[in-house]
């Protein structure tokens, strides 16, 4: 019995995929950017990025970040750089309370 249990645990560890803390990952190139004036509101999806490719977040090919986010400037600069250089990008996002995809991390290849 102990050998069966050990074999089962080993199989789970060896064949399980990496865990993802993100609700969605958009991978491809930046095909569009939209900037919306917040008008004093704290949640207006101020900076939106549209990414090509098949991976989507909650059925959408776009994600956003609000201008009051602590890393807003760095994320916007990274996305704009990827757009200008046409570099592949991965946008990691989590669904907000309304089901839209809030950017949590960005990486450029």
Protein backbone atom coordinates (compact mmCIF):
# COMPACT_ATOMS: atom_id res chain seq x y z
CA UNK A 1 0.00 0.00 0.00
CA UNK A 2 2.83 2.34 0.85
CA UNK A 3 4.47 1.78 -2.55
CA UNK A 4 1.21 2.59 -4.35
CA UNK A 5 0.82 5.82 -2.38
CA UNK A 6 4.44 6.80 -3.06
CA UNK A 7 4.03 6.06 -6.76
CA UNK A 8 0.85 8.14 -6.90
CA UNK A 9 2.51 11.11 -5.21
CA UNK A 10 5.52 10.84 -7.51
CA UNK A 11 3.25 10.74 -10.58
CA UNK A 12 1.37 13.84 -9.44
CA UNK A 13 4.60 15.75 -8.85
CA UNK A 14 6.20 14.66 -12.13
CA UNK A 15 3.24 15.15 -14.42
CA UNK A 16 1.50 18.19 -13.02
CA UNK A 17 1.93 21.41 -14.96
CA UNK A 18 3.13 24.68 -13.51
CA UNK A 19 0.57 26.53 -11.44
CA UNK A 20 -0.52 29.94 -12.64
CA UNK A 21 -1.60 32.70 -10.32
CA UNK A 22 -3.11 34.62 -13.24
CA UNK A 23 -6.62 34.43 -14.64
CA UNK A 24 -5.31 35.04 -18.13
CA UNK A 25 -2.20 35.63 -20.18
CA UNK A 26 -2.29 37.58 -23.44
CA UNK A 27 0.72 36.73 -25.57
CA UNK A 28 1.56 38.21 -28.95
CA UNK A 29 2.27 41.69 -30.21
CA UNK A 30 0.63 44.94 -29.21
CA UNK A 31 -1.94 45.73 -31.89
CA UNK A 32 -3.72 48.59 -30.17
CA UNK A 33 -3.61 50.99 -27.27
CA UNK A 34 -6.46 53.00 -25.84
CA UNK A 35 -6.17 55.74 -23.23
CA UNK A 36 -9.26 56.94 -21.40
CA UNK A 37 -9.43 60.06 -19.22
CA UNK A 38 -10.35 58.97 -15.71
CA UNK A 39 -12.30 62.13 -14.96
CA UNK A 40 -11.53 61.84 -11.27
CA UNK A 41 -12.82 58.30 -10.93
CA UNK A 42 -10.58 55.64 -9.51
CA UNK A 43 -11.70 52.86 -11.87
CA UNK A 44 -12.10 53.73 -15.52
CA UNK A 45 -9.72 51.24 -17.13
CA UNK A 46 -7.50 54.20 -18.01
CA UNK A 47 -4.86 52.45 -20.15
CA UNK A 48 -5.96 49.52 -22.30
CA UNK A 49 -3.73 47.29 -24.36
CA UNK A 50 -4.90 45.00 -27.17
CA UNK A 51 -2.69 42.00 -27.90
CA UNK A 52 -2.69 39.71 -30.94
CA UNK A 53 -2.60 35.96 -30.50
CA UNK A 54 -4.94 33.25 -29.34
CA UNK A 55 -4.53 33.39 -25.56
CA UNK A 56 -7.23 35.55 -24.02
CA UNK A 57 -8.26 36.76 -20.61
CA UNK A 58 -11.91 36.14 -19.81
CA UNK A 59 -12.71 36.00 -23.52
CA UNK A 60 -11.11 39.38 -24.25
CA UNK A 61 -8.00 40.21 -26.25
CA UNK A 62 -7.32 43.27 -24.10
CA UNK A 63 -6.44 44.17 -20.54
CA UNK A 64 -6.20 47.42 -18.60
CA UNK A 65 -4.47 49.23 -15.79
CA UNK A 66 -5.80 52.23 -13.88
CA UNK A 67 -3.69 55.38 -13.57
CA UNK A 68 -3.76 55.15 -9.77
CA UNK A 69 -1.90 51.80 -9.76
CA UNK A 70 1.50 52.03 -8.09
CA UNK A 71 3.31 50.54 -11.10
CA UNK A 72 1.25 52.34 -13.76
CA UNK A 73 4.13 54.33 -15.31
CA UNK A 74 6.44 51.31 -15.61
CA UNK A 75 3.76 49.11 -17.16
CA UNK A 76 2.68 51.79 -19.64
CA UNK A 77 6.31 52.46 -20.63
CA UNK A 78 6.97 48.75 -21.13
CA UNK A 79 3.86 48.29 -23.28
CA UNK A 80 4.63 51.39 -25.37
CA UNK A 81 8.19 50.17 -25.91
CA UNK A 82 6.91 46.79 -27.05
CA UNK A 83 4.51 48.50 -29.46
CA UNK A 84 7.21 50.69 -31.00
CA UNK A 85 9.74 47.86 -31.35
CA UNK A 86 7.07 45.30 -32.37
CA UNK A 87 8.46 42.94 -29.73
CA UNK A 88 6.51 39.94 -28.47
CA UNK A 89 4.79 40.67 -25.18
CA UNK A 90 3.05 38.70 -22.45
CA UNK A 91 0.45 40.49 -20.37
CA UNK A 92 -0.54 38.66 -17.18
CA UNK A 93 -3.91 39.69 -15.80
CA UNK A 94 -6.50 38.87 -13.16
CA UNK A 95 -10.22 39.44 -13.48
CA UNK A 96 -11.55 42.40 -11.54
CA UNK A 97 -14.94 42.41 -9.79
CA UNK A 98 -16.70 43.22 -13.09
CA UNK A 99 -14.90 40.44 -14.98
CA UNK A 100 -12.49 42.66 -16.90
CA UNK A 101 -8.78 41.86 -17.01
CA UNK A 102 -6.58 44.00 -14.77
CA UNK A 103 -2.89 43.94 -15.70
CA UNK A 104 -0.67 42.56 -12.97
CA UNK A 105 2.56 41.88 -14.82
CA UNK A 106 4.09 42.46 -18.26
CA UNK A 107 7.09 40.86 -19.90
CA UNK A 108 8.69 41.65 -23.26
CA UNK A 109 10.77 39.19 -25.26
